[in-house]
C-alpha atoms as a PDB file:
ATOM      1  CA  UNK A   1      46.645 -18.416 -14.760  1.00  0.00           C
ATOM      2  CA  UNK A   2      46.082 -14.707 -14.395  1.00  0.00           C
ATOM      3  CA  UNK A   3      44.697 -14.545 -17.959  1.00  0.00           C
ATOM      4  CA  UNK A   4      42.245 -17.297 -17.302  1.00  0.00           C
ATOM      5  CA  UNK A   5      40.988 -15.607 -14.050  1.00  0.00           C
ATOM      6  CA  UNK A   6      40.412 -12.299 -15.988  1.00  0.00           C
ATOM      7  CA  UNK A   7      38.517 -14.174 -18.687  1.00  0.00           C
ATOM      8  CA  UNK A   8      36.340 -15.994 -16.090  1.00  0.00           C
ATOM      9  CA  UNK A   9      35.545 -12.679 -14.413  1.00  0.00           C
ATOM     10  CA  UNK A  10      34.676 -11.150 -17.755  1.00  0.00           C
ATOM     11  CA  UNK A  11      32.477 -14.100 -18.492  1.00  0.00           C
ATOM     12  CA  UNK A  12      30.569 -13.762 -15.367  1.00  0.00           C
ATOM     13  CA  UNK A  13      30.149 -10.040 -16.070  1.00  0.00           C
ATOM     14  CA  UNK A  14      28.817 -10.613 -19.473  1.00  0.00           C
ATOM     15  CA  UNK A  15      26.250 -13.157 -18.350  1.00  0.00           C
ATOM     16  CA  UNK A  16      25.126 -10.997 -15.445  1.00  0.00           C
ATOM     17  CA  UNK A  17      24.577  -8.031 -17.732  1.00  0.00           C
ATOM     18  CA  UNK A  18      22.797 -10.194 -20.311  1.00  0.00           C
ATOM     19  CA  UNK A  19      20.584 -11.646 -17.601  1.00  0.00           C
ATOM     20  CA  UNK A  20      19.743  -8.177 -16.311  1.00  0.00           C
ATOM     21  CA  UNK A  21      18.754  -7.047 -19.794  1.00  0.00           C
ATOM     22  CA  UNK A  22      16.669 -10.012 -20.437  1.00  0.00           C
ATOM     23  CA  UNK A  23      14.817  -9.713 -17.172  1.00  0.00           C
ATOM     24  CA  UNK A  24      12.441  -6.954 -18.070  1.00  0.00           C
ATOM     25  CA  UNK A  25      11.576  -8.861 -21.349  1.00  0.00           C
ATOM     26  CA  UNK A  26      10.793 -12.045 -19.429  1.00  0.00           C
ATOM     27  CA  UNK A  27       8.762 -10.041 -17.006  1.00  0.00           C
ATOM     28  CA  UNK A  28       6.700  -8.378 -19.600  1.00  0.00           C
ATOM     29  CA  UNK A  29       6.181 -11.733 -21.245  1.00  0.00           C
ATOM     30  CA  UNK A  30       4.942 -13.366 -17.981  1.00  0.00           C
ATOM     31  CA  UNK A  31       2.727 -10.358 -17.108  1.00  0.00           C
ATOM     32  CA  UNK A  32       1.206 -10.654 -20.658  1.00  0.00           C
ATOM     33  CA  UNK A  33       0.605 -14.506 -19.997  1.00  0.00           C
ATOM     34  CA  UNK A  34      -0.896 -13.865 -16.659  1.00  0.00           C
ATOM     35  CA  UNK A  35      -3.387 -11.288 -18.239  1.00  0.00           C
ATOM     36  CA  UNK A  36      -4.212 -13.849 -20.951  1.00  0.00           C
ATOM     37  CA  UNK A  37      -4.934 -16.462 -18.210  1.00  0.00           C
ATOM     38  CA  UNK A  38      -7.232 -14.038 -16.364  1.00  0.00           C
ATOM     39  CA  UNK A  39      -9.041 -13.239 -19.628  1.00  0.00           C
ATOM     40  CA  UNK A  40      -9.600 -16.908 -20.101  1.00  0.00           C
ATOM     41  CA  UNK A  41     -11.083 -17.267 -16.665  1.00  0.00           C
ATOM     42  CA  UNK A  42      -8.046 -19.165 -15.262  1.00  0.00           C
ATOM     43  CA  UNK A  43      -7.793 -17.004 -12.276  1.00  0.00           C
ATOM     44  CA  UNK A  44      -5.760 -19.225  -9.956  1.00  0.00           C
ATOM     45  CA  UNK A  45      -3.080 -19.560 -12.718  1.00  0.00           C
ATOM     46  CA  UNK A  46      -3.059 -15.805 -13.254  1.00  0.00           C
ATOM     47  CA  UNK A  47      -2.606 -15.244  -9.590  1.00  0.00           C
ATOM     48  CA  UNK A  48       0.239 -17.651  -9.518  1.00  0.00           C
ATOM     49  CA  UNK A  49       1.935 -15.807 -12.396  1.00  0.00           C
ATOM     50  CA  UNK A  50       1.421 -12.314 -10.817  1.00  0.00           C
ATOM     51  CA  UNK A  51       2.973 -13.662  -7.627  1.00  0.00           C
ATOM     52  CA  UNK A  52       5.951 -15.072  -9.527  1.00  0.00           C
ATOM     53  CA  UNK A  53       6.534 -11.503 -10.942  1.00  0.00           C
ATOM     54  CA  UNK A  54       6.375 -10.067  -7.393  1.00  0.00           C
ATOM     55  CA  UNK A  55       8.921 -12.598  -6.212  1.00  0.00           C
ATOM     56  CA  UNK A  56      11.409 -11.917  -8.978  1.00  0.00           C
ATOM     57  CA  UNK A  57      10.948  -8.223  -9.600  1.00  0.00           C
ATOM     58  CA  UNK A  58       8.887  -6.663  -6.799  1.00  0.00           C
ATOM     59  CA  UNK A  59       5.680  -4.842  -7.053  1.00  0.00           C
ATOM     60  CA  UNK A  60       4.067  -1.920  -9.067  1.00  0.00           C
ATOM     61  CA  UNK A  61       0.755  -0.313  -8.941  1.00  0.00           C
ATOM     62  CA  UNK A  62      -0.539  -2.014 -12.167  1.00  0.00           C
ATOM     63  CA  UNK A  63       0.723  -5.413 -10.958  1.00  0.00           C
ATOM     64  CA  UNK A  64      -1.023  -5.157  -7.549  1.00  0.00           C
ATOM     65  CA  UNK A  65      -4.208  -3.991  -9.316  1.00  0.00           C
ATOM     66  CA  UNK A  66      -4.230  -7.047 -11.550  1.00  0.00           C
ATOM     67  CA  UNK A  67      -3.480  -9.344  -8.641  1.00  0.00           C
ATOM     68  CA  UNK A  68      -6.389  -7.740  -6.820  1.00  0.00           C
ATOM     69  CA  UNK A  69      -8.619  -8.569  -9.776  1.00  0.00           C
ATOM     70  CA  UNK A  70      -7.481 -12.246 -10.015  1.00  0.00           C
ATOM     71  CA  UNK A  71      -7.979 -12.687  -6.233  1.00  0.00           C
ATOM     72  CA  UNK A  72     -11.459 -10.990  -6.360  1.00  0.00           C
ATOM     73  CA  UNK A  73     -12.545 -13.187  -9.473  1.00  0.00           C
ATOM     74  CA  UNK A  74     -11.429 -16.353  -7.655  1.00  0.00           C
ATOM     75  CA  UNK A  75     -13.412 -15.540  -4.394  1.00  0.00           C
ATOM     76  CA  UNK A  76     -10.664 -14.421  -2.172  1.00  0.00           C
ATOM     77  CA  UNK A  77     -12.169 -11.062  -1.188  1.00  0.00           C
ATOM     78  CA  UNK A  78      -9.647 -10.324   1.591  1.00  0.00           C
ATOM     79  CA  UNK A  79      -6.635 -10.640  -0.592  1.00  0.00           C
ATOM     80  CA  UNK A  80      -8.272  -8.673  -3.335  1.00  0.00           C
ATOM     81  CA  UNK A  81      -9.010  -5.822  -0.945  1.00  0.00           C
ATOM     82  CA  UNK A  82      -5.468  -5.865   0.386  1.00  0.00           C
ATOM     83  CA  UNK A  83      -3.963  -5.543  -3.064  1.00  0.00           C
ATOM     84  CA  UNK A  84      -6.261  -2.909  -4.229  1.00  0.00           C
ATOM     85  CA  UNK A  85      -5.202  -0.993  -1.088  1.00  0.00           C
ATOM     86  CA  UNK A  86      -1.541  -1.650  -1.938  1.00  0.00           C
ATOM     87  CA  UNK A  87      -2.011  -0.444  -5.455  1.00  0.00           C
ATOM     88  CA  UNK A  88      -3.673   2.795  -4.330  1.00  0.00           C
ATOM     89  CA  UNK A  89      -0.828   3.501  -1.974  1.00  0.00           C
ATOM     90  CA  UNK A  90       1.402   3.544  -5.017  1.00  0.00           C
ATOM     91  CA  UNK A  91      -0.969   5.286  -7.377  1.00  0.00           C
ATOM     92  CA  UNK A  92      -3.774   7.177  -5.534  1.00  0.00           C
ATOM     93  CA  UNK A  93      -5.126   8.427  -8.962  1.00  0.00           C
ATOM     94  CA  UNK A  94      -5.947   4.746 -10.101  1.00  0.00           C
ATOM     95  CA  UNK A  95      -9.747   5.188 -10.369  1.00  0.00           C
ATOM     96  CA  UNK A  96     -10.286   1.547 -11.540  1.00  0.00           C
ATOM     97  CA  UNK A  97      -8.580   0.271  -8.372  1.00  0.00           C
ATOM     98  CA  UNK A  98     -10.658   2.598  -6.318  1.00  0.00           C
ATOM     99  CA  UNK A  99     -13.843   1.542  -7.938  1.00  0.00           C
ATOM    100  CA  UNK A 100     -13.087  -2.143  -7.683  1.00  0.00           C
ATOM    101  CA  UNK A 101     -12.103  -1.806  -4.047  1.00  0.00           C
ATOM    102  CA  UNK A 102     -15.413  -0.172  -3.392  1.00  0.00           C
ATOM    103  CA  UNK A 103     -17.437  -2.810  -5.251  1.00  0.00           C
ATOM    104  CA  UNK A 104     -15.691  -5.687  -3.458  1.00  0.00           C
ATOM    105  CA  UNK A 105     -16.323  -3.992  -0.132  1.00  0.00           C
ATOM    106  CA  UNK A 106     -20.049  -3.482  -1.072  1.00  0.00           C
ATOM    107  CA  UNK A 107     -20.513  -7.028  -2.296  1.00  0.00           C
ATOM    108  CA  UNK A 108     -19.186  -8.398   0.912  1.00  0.00           C
ATOM    109  CA  UNK A 109     -21.013  -6.121   3.359  1.00  0.00           C
ATOM    110  CA  UNK A 110     -17.808  -4.207   4.169  1.00  0.00           C
ATOM    111  CA  UNK A 111     -18.455  -0.841   2.753  1.00  0.00           C
ATOM    112  CA  UNK A 112     -18.588   1.979   5.354  1.00  0.00           C
ATOM    113  CA  UNK A 113     -21.234   4.567   4.132  1.00  0.00           C
ATOM    114  CA  UNK A 114     -20.455   7.141   6.808  1.00  0.00           C
ATOM    115  CA  UNK A 115     -16.588   7.431   6.759  1.00  0.00           C
ATOM    116  CA  UNK A 116     -15.373  10.714   8.313  1.00  0.00           C
ATOM    117  CA  UNK A 117     -14.848  13.445   5.875  1.00  0.00           C
ATOM    118  CA  UNK A 118     -11.075  13.735   6.929  1.00  0.00           C
ATOM    119  CA  UNK A 119     -10.422  10.052   6.042  1.00  0.00           C
ATOM    120  CA  UNK A 120     -11.944  10.407   2.654  1.00  0.00           C
ATOM    121  CA  UNK A 121      -9.925  13.539   1.962  1.00  0.00           C
ATOM    122  CA  UNK A 122      -6.736  11.877   3.231  1.00  0.00           C
ATOM    123  CA  UNK A 123      -7.238   9.280   0.549  1.00  0.00           C
ATOM    124  CA  UNK A 124      -7.115  11.727  -2.308  1.00  0.00           C
ATOM    125  CA  UNK A 125      -3.174  11.646  -2.193  1.00  0.00           C
ATOM    126  CA  UNK A 126      -0.686   9.074  -0.930  1.00  0.00           C
ATOM    127  CA  UNK A 127       1.058   9.774   2.393  1.00  0.00           C
ATOM    128  CA  UNK A 128       4.337  10.748   0.523  1.00  0.00           C
ATOM    129  CA  UNK A 129       2.371  13.262  -1.571  1.00  0.00           C
ATOM    130  CA  UNK A 130       0.795  14.779   1.461  1.00  0.00           C
ATOM    131  CA  UNK A 131       4.216  14.897   3.110  1.00  0.00           C
ATOM    132  CA  UNK A 132       5.753  16.535   0.008  1.00  0.00           C
ATOM    133  CA  UNK A 133       3.071  19.212  -0.013  1.00  0.00           C
ATOM    134  CA  UNK A 134       4.059  20.022   3.649  1.00  0.00           C
ATOM    135  CA  UNK A 135       7.718  20.020   2.940  1.00  0.00           C
ATOM    136  CA  UNK A 136       7.041  22.423  -0.067  1.00  0.00           C
ATOM    137  CA  UNK A 137       5.310  24.666   2.266  1.00  0.00           C
ATOM    138  CA  UNK A 138       8.085  24.677   4.714  1.00  0.00           C
ATOM    139  CA  UNK A 139      10.583  25.406   1.940  1.00  0.00           C
ATOM    140  CA  UNK A 140       8.525  28.295   0.687  1.00  0.00           C
ATOM    141  CA  UNK A 141       8.526  29.798   4.244  1.00  0.00           C
ATOM    142  CA  UNK A 142      12.242  29.211   4.620  1.00  0.00           C
ATOM    143  CA  UNK A 143      13.182  30.471   1.257  1.00  0.00           C
ATOM    144  CA  UNK A 144      11.052  33.656   1.796  1.00  0.00           C
ATOM    145  CA  UNK A 145      12.802  34.358   5.103  1.00  0.00           C
ATOM    146  CA  UNK A 146      16.253  33.896   3.523  1.00  0.00           C
ATOM    147  CA  UNK A 147      15.374  36.123   0.516  1.00  0.00           C
ATOM    148  CA  UNK A 148      14.044  38.790   2.891  1.00  0.00           C
ATOM    149  CA  UNK A 149      17.357  38.731   4.808  1.00  0.00           C
ATOM    150  CA  UNK A 150      19.234  39.364   1.529  1.00  0.00           C
ATOM    151  CA  UNK A 151      16.942  41.951   0.179  1.00  0.00           C
ATOM    152  CA  UNK A 152      15.221  43.613   3.203  1.00  0.00           C
ATOM    153  CA  UNK A 153      13.543  46.200   0.925  1.00  0.00           C
ATOM    154  CA  UNK A 154      11.179  43.669  -0.510  1.00  0.00           C
ATOM    155  CA  UNK A 155       7.540  44.714  -0.078  1.00  0.00           C
ATOM    156  CA  UNK A 156       5.997  43.282   3.179  1.00  0.00           C
ATOM    157  CA  UNK A 157       2.768  42.343   1.502  1.00  0.00           C
ATOM    158  CA  UNK A 158       4.643  40.098  -0.929  1.00  0.00           C
ATOM    159  CA  UNK A 159       6.636  38.298   1.689  1.00  0.00           C
ATOM    160  CA  UNK A 160       3.524  37.912   3.876  1.00  0.00           C
ATOM    161  CA  UNK A 161       1.501  36.340   1.061  1.00  0.00           C
ATOM    162  CA  UNK A 162       4.406  33.810   0.403  1.00  0.00           C
ATOM    163  CA  UNK A 163       4.684  32.894   4.029  1.00  0.00           C
ATOM    164  CA  UNK A 164       0.868  32.545   4.364  1.00  0.00           C
ATOM    165  CA  UNK A 165       0.878  30.332   1.333  1.00  0.00           C
ATOM    166  CA  UNK A 166       3.644  28.226   2.718  1.00  0.00           C
ATOM    167  CA  UNK A 167       2.050  27.794   6.117  1.00  0.00           C
ATOM    168  CA  UNK A 168      -1.275  26.948   4.402  1.00  0.00           C
ATOM    169  CA  UNK A 169       0.437  24.152   2.546  1.00  0.00           C
ATOM    170  CA  UNK A 170       1.870  22.851   5.890  1.00  0.00           C
ATOM    171  CA  UNK A 171      -1.480  22.980   7.634  1.00  0.00           C
ATOM    172  CA  UNK A 172      -3.121  21.174   4.683  1.00  0.00           C
ATOM    173  CA  UNK A 173      -0.459  18.566   4.245  1.00  0.00           C
ATOM    174  CA  UNK A 174       0.637  17.432   7.859  1.00  0.00           C
ATOM    175  CA  UNK A 175      -2.612  16.131   9.240  1.00  0.00           C
ATOM    176  CA  UNK A 176      -3.549  13.757   6.403  1.00  0.00           C
ATOM    177  CA  UNK A 177       0.067  12.625   6.042  1.00  0.00           C
ATOM    178  CA  UNK A 178       0.150  11.679   9.807  1.00  0.00           C
ATOM    179  CA  UNK A 179      -3.212   9.959   9.506  1.00  0.00           C
ATOM    180  CA  UNK A 180      -2.109   7.868   6.569  1.00  0.00           C
ATOM    181  CA  UNK A 181       1.198   6.949   8.152  1.00  0.00           C
ATOM    182  CA  UNK A 182      -0.441   5.946  11.372  1.00  0.00           C
ATOM    183  CA  UNK A 183      -2.483   3.377   9.366  1.00  0.00           C
ATOM    184  CA  UNK A 184       0.468   2.299   7.155  1.00  0.00           C
ATOM    185  CA  UNK A 185       0.961  -1.001   8.952  1.00  0.00           C
ATOM    186  CA  UNK A 186      -2.821  -1.958   8.769  1.00  0.00           C
ATOM    187  CA  UNK A 187      -3.743  -5.386   7.839  1.00  0.00           C
ATOM    188  CA  UNK A 188      -6.629  -7.086   6.094  1.00  0.00           C
ATOM    189  CA  UNK A 189      -8.396 -10.350   7.310  1.00  0.00           C
ATOM    190  CA  UNK A 190      -7.976 -12.944   4.721  1.00  0.00           C
ATOM    191  CA  UNK A 191     -10.036 -15.869   6.294  1.00  0.00           C
ATOM    192  CA  UNK A 192     -13.862 -16.016   6.494  1.00  0.00           C
ATOM    193  CA  UNK A 193     -15.473 -15.163   9.839  1.00  0.00           C
ATOM    194  CA  UNK A 194     -12.541 -15.184  12.105  1.00  0.00           C
ATOM    195  CA  UNK A 195     -13.022 -15.269  15.868  1.00  0.00           C
ATOM    196  CA  UNK A 196     -12.178 -12.040  17.737  1.00  0.00           C
ATOM    197  CA  UNK A 197     -10.820 -13.181  21.043  1.00  0.00           C
ATOM    198  CA  UNK A 198     -10.764 -11.518  24.467  1.00  0.00           C
ATOM    199  CA  UNK A 199      -7.188 -12.830  25.256  1.00  0.00           C
ATOM    200  CA  UNK A 200      -4.239 -14.168  23.131  1.00  0.00           C
ATOM    201  CA  UNK A 201      -5.020 -17.786  23.623  1.00  0.00           C
ATOM    202  CA  UNK A 202      -6.556 -20.440  21.235  1.00  0.00           C
ATOM    203  CA  UNK A 203      -9.168 -21.380  23.838  1.00  0.00           C
ATOM    204  CA  UNK A 204     -10.108 -17.854  24.730  1.00  0.00           C
ATOM    205  CA  UNK A 205     -13.701 -16.667  24.566  1.00  0.00           C
ATOM    206  CA  UNK A 206     -14.850 -14.837  21.507  1.00  0.00           C
ATOM    207  CA  UNK A 207     -16.292 -11.282  21.466  1.00  0.00           C
ATOM    208  CA  UNK A 208     -17.651 -11.882  17.913  1.00  0.00           C
ATOM    209  CA  UNK A 209     -16.385 -12.409  14.468  1.00  0.00           C
ATOM    210  CA  UNK A 210     -14.673 -10.393  11.667  1.00  0.00           C
ATOM    211  CA  UNK A 211     -15.593 -10.794   7.991  1.00  0.00           C
ATOM    212  CA  UNK A 212     -12.960 -11.673   5.367  1.00  0.00           C
ATOM    213  CA  UNK A 213     -11.758  -8.315   3.988  1.00  0.00           C
ATOM    214  CA  UNK A 214     -12.151  -6.163   7.102  1.00  0.00           C
ATOM    215  CA  UNK A 215      -9.331  -3.752   7.723  1.00  0.00           C
ATOM    216  CA  UNK A 216      -7.567  -3.863  11.083  1.00  0.00           C
ATOM    217  CA  UNK A 217      -5.118  -1.771  12.860  1.00  0.00           C
ATOM    218  CA  UNK A 218      -2.621  -3.588  15.139  1.00  0.00           C
ATOM    219  CA  UNK A 219      -1.425  -2.109  18.535  1.00  0.00           C
ATOM    220  CA  UNK A 220       0.274  -4.997  20.443  1.00  0.00           C
ATOM    221  CA  UNK A 221       1.592  -8.610  19.986  1.00  0.00           C
ATOM    222  CA  UNK A 222       1.728 -11.679  22.109  1.00  0.00           C
ATOM    223  CA  UNK A 223       3.341 -14.796  20.499  1.00  0.00           C
ATOM    224  CA  UNK A 224       1.362 -15.518  17.320  1.00  0.00           C
ATOM    225  CA  UNK A 225      -1.563 -13.251  18.395  1.00  0.00           C
ATOM    226  CA  UNK A 226      -2.022  -9.580  17.670  1.00  0.00           C
ATOM    227  CA  UNK A 227      -4.477  -7.202  19.263  1.00  0.00           C
ATOM    228  CA  UNK A 228      -6.294  -5.222  16.651  1.00  0.00           C
ATOM    229  CA  UNK A 229      -9.031  -2.698  16.212  1.00  0.00           C
ATOM    230  CA  UNK A 230     -11.195  -2.835  13.133  1.00  0.00           C
ATOM    231  CA  UNK A 231     -12.767  -0.100  11.127  1.00  0.00           C
ATOM    232  CA  UNK A 232     -15.997  -0.102  13.235  1.00  0.00           C
ATOM    233  CA  UNK A 233     -14.103   0.245  16.493  1.00  0.00           C
ATOM    234  CA  UNK A 234     -14.298  -3.364  17.680  1.00  0.00           C
ATOM    235  CA  UNK A 235     -11.110  -4.754  19.244  1.00  0.00           C
ATOM    236  CA  UNK A 236      -9.664  -8.038  20.270  1.00  0.00           C
ATOM    237  CA  UNK A 237      -7.104 -10.649  19.586  1.00  0.00           C
ATOM    238  CA  UNK A 238      -6.490 -12.380  16.226  1.00  0.00           C
ATOM    239  CA  UNK A 239      -4.259 -15.195  15.176  1.00  0.00           C
ATOM    240  CA  UNK A 240      -1.605 -13.469  12.971  1.00  0.00           C
ATOM    241  CA  UNK A 241      -1.999 -16.152  10.281  1.00  0.00           C
ATOM    242  CA  UNK A 242      -5.497 -14.701   9.299  1.00  0.00           C
ATOM    243  CA  UNK A 243      -4.136 -11.280   8.410  1.00  0.00           C
ATOM    244  CA  UNK A 244      -2.053  -9.983   5.476  1.00  0.00           C
ATOM    245  CA  UNK A 245      -0.157  -6.797   6.244  1.00  0.00           C
ATOM    246  CA  UNK A 246      -0.427  -3.914   3.759  1.00  0.00           C
ATOM    247  CA  UNK A 247       3.128  -2.770   4.287  1.00  0.00           C
ATOM    248  CA  UNK A 248       4.537  -6.169   3.106  1.00  0.00           C
ATOM    249  CA  UNK A 249       4.619  -7.459  -0.393  1.00  0.00           C
ATOM    250  CA  UNK A 250       1.741  -9.984  -1.224  1.00  0.00           C
ATOM    251  CA  UNK A 251       3.848 -13.069  -1.220  1.00  0.00           C
ATOM    252  CA  UNK A 252       5.278 -12.412   2.176  1.00  0.00           C
ATOM    253  CA  UNK A 253       2.006 -13.224   4.000  1.00  0.00           C
END
């Protein structure tokens, strides 16, 4: 009986390892099939395959980029914008994603020509990269103080230069990191011309409409409604079902 139990456990272990080794191959094959479907103009099928990969294996910058392309080609501008944004959070250097995001925004009347300079600069790196820059600066300052305590005879000019450089990295890195993290839970409107309400009730009066693809920042909730502020400064209540959240995987909302 004990021998059978051991053999059964070994069999489960074998098949688990085999499945884990086969998973990347299956994912690569499905990703290739989705790309081929997109090339044939079968955008809905491609989208479905990309989402299957998300459900089974999680996200990557390239997967989110391709998903944005398939949503954009099938006319879902809001979901396209959301996935380009997600892709850029993982890979800020993806110029294709940045270009496509800009084009979708322009094509749908969502592009903001006069974005503040600090917002444009903050988008150069991901929040984690800005934070790493600031941490590096703090580390340089701390290490310099530590080394100076061990070797007090070091030239003051040398230590001052190191500390100045470290503080400069902190000053440069902290503000954009805080700005990016403040907008980390932003959402994107995924329905056309949604009503922006003055109160969190279905029958409430509207203060206007938001286009599909507009980015919104949440600040409070009431039942299924969320109070948001959009990129242009307008605020009001939206039904949560018309928003996809950028800090969640695509298939989650």
